[in-house]
Amino acid sequence: MDAQILCTLLAQRLDPEYHRLSGLEVVWLNEDKVPDENSFYDTPENRAIVADVIANYDTLAAAYLESLKPIYADLRRAEYPPVADYLDGIVKGDQLQIDKYIADCLAVKAKYPKT
């Protein structure tokens, strides 16, 4: 179990201002953001949320990591040649430059197909 991922998963369901992780243990904080065994936030409901996140960690972590993956459009956008190259070719009437731009775009599309 990765502590950073666990912290992120918990923060999606619990206010991160009032808990932190010490290793893989949840430490509840008081209103002054100080560890406190009698914290108002150490409730059965919040402990149940922590238990649920830990029990379902593998599924939740996999979904979280999948959400971080860029989609094909982001990958394409990062690799497409600058549109200025295409426009420059049009203005100059340079068909080789235009064809190269189109070929470069098609290569990016082939590298990152729609999924």
Protein backbone atom coordinates (compact mmCIF):
# COMPACT_ATOMS: atom_id res chain seq x y z
CA MET A 1 0.00 0.00 0.00
CA ASP A 2 1.42 3.36 -1.06
CA ALA A 3 1.06 6.05 1.62
CA GLN A 4 0.78 8.90 -0.88
CA ILE A 5 -2.00 7.19 -2.80
CA LEU A 6 -3.74 6.26 0.44
CA CYS A 7 -3.53 9.89 1.58
CA THR A 8 -5.04 11.05 -1.73
CA LEU A 9 -7.84 8.48 -1.53
CA LEU A 10 -8.66 9.51 2.03
CA ALA A 11 -8.59 13.19 1.10
CA GLN A 12 -11.26 12.50 -1.52
CA ARG A 13 -13.63 11.42 1.25
CA LEU A 14 -12.41 13.16 4.41
CA ASP A 15 -11.34 16.75 5.02
CA PRO A 16 -7.53 16.57 4.84
CA GLU A 17 -7.26 19.45 7.30
CA TYR A 18 -8.18 17.11 10.13
CA HIS A 19 -6.17 13.98 9.55
CA ARG A 20 -2.74 12.95 8.38
CA LEU A 21 -0.89 9.73 7.89
CA SER A 22 1.92 8.49 10.03
CA GLY A 23 3.18 5.65 7.89
CA LEU A 24 -0.10 3.96 7.07
CA GLU A 25 -1.82 4.96 10.32
CA VAL A 26 -4.38 7.75 10.35
CA VAL A 27 -3.71 10.41 12.97
CA TRP A 28 -6.68 12.63 13.76
CA LEU A 29 -6.05 16.31 14.32
CA ASN A 30 -7.94 18.78 16.45
CA GLU A 31 -9.24 22.18 15.31
CA ASP A 32 -5.73 23.61 15.82
CA LYS A 33 -4.36 20.96 13.40
CA VAL A 34 -2.51 19.21 16.23
CA PRO A 35 -2.64 15.42 16.74
CA ASP A 36 -5.24 14.68 19.36
CA GLU A 37 -6.47 11.29 20.60
CA ASN A 38 -9.75 12.98 21.53
CA SER A 39 -10.18 14.79 18.23
CA PHE A 40 -13.70 15.77 17.29
CA TYR A 41 -12.98 14.20 13.88
CA ASP A 42 -12.15 10.76 15.26
CA THR A 43 -15.71 9.53 14.87
CA PRO A 44 -17.10 6.08 14.11
CA GLU A 45 -18.24 7.42 10.72
CA ASN A 46 -14.78 8.72 9.81
CA ARG A 47 -13.13 5.54 11.06
CA ALA A 48 -15.58 3.56 8.88
CA ILE A 49 -14.58 5.67 5.88
CA VAL A 50 -10.90 4.95 6.58
CA ALA A 51 -11.63 1.24 6.98
CA ASP A 52 -13.58 1.21 3.71
CA VAL A 53 -10.79 2.96 1.80
CA ILE A 54 -8.22 0.53 3.20
CA ALA A 55 -10.42 -2.50 2.50
CA ASN A 56 -10.98 -1.36 -1.09
CA TYR A 57 -7.52 0.12 -1.57
CA ASP A 58 -6.51 -2.00 -4.57
CA THR A 59 -9.63 -1.11 -6.57
CA LEU A 60 -9.62 2.55 -5.55
CA ALA A 61 -5.89 2.94 -6.20
CA ALA A 62 -6.17 1.33 -9.64
CA ALA A 63 -9.02 3.68 -10.58
CA TYR A 64 -7.08 6.68 -9.25
CA LEU A 65 -3.93 5.74 -11.18
CA GLU A 66 -5.98 5.16 -14.34
CA SER A 67 -7.46 8.65 -13.97
CA LEU A 68 -3.94 10.10 -14.05
CA LYS A 69 -3.15 8.62 -17.45
CA PRO A 70 -3.38 11.16 -20.23
CA ILE A 71 -6.01 10.50 -22.86
CA TYR A 72 -5.05 10.12 -26.50
CA ALA A 73 -6.01 13.74 -27.28
CA ASP A 74 -3.54 15.04 -24.67
CA LEU A 75 -0.78 12.81 -26.01
CA ARG A 76 -1.46 13.90 -29.57
CA ARG A 77 -1.62 17.58 -28.66
CA ALA A 78 1.83 17.37 -27.09
CA GLU A 79 3.39 15.87 -30.24
CA TYR A 80 1.61 17.58 -33.11
CA PRO A 81 3.86 19.91 -35.09
CA PRO A 82 3.14 23.64 -34.70
CA VAL A 83 0.24 24.80 -36.86
CA ALA A 84 2.46 27.73 -37.87
CA ASP A 85 4.45 25.25 -39.99
CA TYR A 86 1.32 24.44 -41.97
CA LEU A 87 0.31 28.08 -42.36
CA ASP A 88 3.84 29.03 -43.38
CA GLY A 89 3.69 26.38 -46.10
CA ILE A 90 0.37 27.75 -47.35
CA VAL A 91 1.60 31.35 -47.41
CA LYS A 92 4.79 30.34 -49.23
CA GLY A 93 2.93 28.00 -51.56
CA ASP A 94 5.35 25.27 -50.45
CA GLN A 95 3.51 22.00 -51.10
CA LEU A 96 6.40 19.92 -49.69
CA GLN A 97 6.14 21.76 -46.37
CA ILE A 98 2.34 21.30 -46.34
CA ASP A 99 2.67 17.59 -47.16
CA LYS A 100 5.32 17.16 -44.44
CA TYR A 101 3.02 18.82 -41.89
CA ILE A 102 0.14 16.51 -42.86
CA ALA A 103 2.41 13.44 -42.77
CA ASP A 104 3.71 14.43 -39.32
CA CYS A 105 0.13 14.83 -38.03
CA LEU A 106 -0.89 11.45 -39.46
CA ALA A 107 2.14 9.83 -37.81
CA VAL A 108 1.06 11.24 -34.43
CA LYS A 109 -2.50 10.00 -35.00
CA ALA A 110 -1.15 6.54 -35.82
CA LYS A 111 1.05 6.56 -32.72
CA TYR A 112 -1.88 7.52 -30.45
CA PRO A 113 -5.08 6.06 -31.94
CA LYS A 114 -8.48 6.86 -30.46
CA THR A 115 -9.35 4.36 -27.76
